Amino acid sequence: MEKHCKSSFDKYIILKIKEKRIEKGLSQSELAAKLGVSSGFIGKIESLNTTSKYNLNHLNKLALIFSCSPKDFLPNNPIV
């Protein structure tokens, strides 16, 4: 069975969000509660070896949580 990993683009977004989570002093559980998902879901996303990732609705909610723009999670240039 082939394992589907996250793309470089997905990884960039995930690491940006993790960086903001840590800057704000939030645990995975605290972020999960604010986002309305399980803490296990955040753990799976932050584990780069799983296929779980944020969707556009998550990015919008995360921008509200972190008081920033959803664009702050995206790279300035395309990722090859």
Protein backbone atom coordinates (compact mmCIF):
# COMPACT_ATOMS: atom_id res chain seq x y z
CA MET A 1 0.00 0.00 0.00
CA GLU A 2 1.44 3.36 -1.04
CA LYS A 3 1.66 5.97 1.71
CA HIS A 4 0.63 9.47 0.62
CA CYS A 5 2.69 12.12 2.38
CA LYS A 6 2.11 15.82 2.54
CA SER A 7 3.35 18.08 -0.23
CA SER A 8 6.05 20.69 0.37
CA PHE A 9 3.31 23.32 0.17
CA ASP A 10 1.25 21.56 2.87
CA LYS A 11 4.34 21.21 5.06
CA TYR A 12 5.12 24.93 4.73
CA ILE A 13 1.61 25.87 5.91
CA ILE A 14 1.67 23.35 8.76
CA LEU A 15 5.05 24.56 10.02
CA LYS A 16 3.91 28.22 9.84
CA ILE A 17 0.84 27.41 11.92
CA LYS A 18 2.88 25.36 14.40
CA GLU A 19 5.30 28.29 14.71
CA LYS A 20 2.39 30.66 15.50
CA ARG A 21 0.93 28.14 17.98
CA ILE A 22 4.23 27.96 19.85
CA GLU A 23 4.70 31.77 19.72
CA LYS A 24 1.27 32.16 21.36
CA GLY A 25 2.16 29.55 24.00
CA LEU A 26 -0.67 27.23 23.00
CA SER A 27 -0.52 23.47 23.35
CA GLN A 28 -1.93 21.23 20.64
CA SER A 29 -4.92 20.59 22.92
CA GLU A 30 -5.56 24.30 23.47
CA LEU A 31 -5.38 25.05 19.75
CA ALA A 32 -7.65 22.09 19.01
CA ALA A 33 -10.27 23.39 21.47
CA LYS A 34 -10.22 26.84 19.88
CA LEU A 35 -10.41 25.33 16.38
CA GLY A 36 -13.18 22.87 17.30
CA VAL A 37 -11.22 19.71 16.47
CA SER A 38 -9.61 16.96 18.54
CA SER A 39 -6.10 17.35 19.91
CA GLY A 40 -5.28 14.11 18.09
CA PHE A 41 -6.15 15.85 14.82
CA ILE A 42 -3.63 18.63 15.48
CA GLY A 43 -1.04 16.00 16.39
CA LYS A 44 -1.65 14.14 13.14
CA ILE A 45 -1.35 17.35 11.14
CA GLU A 46 1.89 18.38 12.85
CA SER A 47 3.30 14.89 12.29
CA LEU A 48 4.57 15.30 8.78
CA ASN A 49 4.34 11.54 8.16
CA THR A 50 0.53 11.44 8.00
CA THR A 51 -1.88 12.62 5.32
CA SER A 52 -3.90 14.86 7.68
CA LYS A 53 -3.76 18.56 6.84
CA TYR A 54 -5.62 21.83 7.30
CA ASN A 55 -8.33 22.87 4.85
CA LEU A 56 -9.29 26.41 3.82
CA ASN A 57 -11.93 26.69 6.55
CA HIS A 58 -9.31 25.74 9.12
CA LEU A 59 -6.96 28.42 7.75
CA ASN A 60 -9.69 31.04 8.10
CA LYS A 61 -10.46 30.01 11.70
CA LEU A 62 -6.75 29.88 12.54
CA ALA A 63 -6.32 33.42 11.21
CA LEU A 64 -9.10 34.53 13.58
CA ILE A 65 -7.49 32.66 16.49
CA PHE A 66 -4.05 34.17 15.81
CA SER A 67 -5.40 37.63 14.83
CA CYS A 68 -3.69 37.57 11.46
CA SER A 69 -4.49 37.13 7.79
CA PRO A 70 -4.87 33.66 6.26
CA LYS A 71 -2.16 34.86 3.83
CA ASP A 72 0.31 34.80 6.73
CA PHE A 73 0.30 31.00 6.53
CA LEU A 74 1.16 30.95 2.82
CA PRO A 75 4.55 31.32 1.13
CA ASN A 76 5.33 34.54 -0.76
CA ASN A 77 6.50 32.54 -3.78
CA PRO A 78 5.47 29.22 -5.30
CA ILE A 79 7.10 26.15 -3.78
CA VAL A 80 8.72 23.79 -6.26
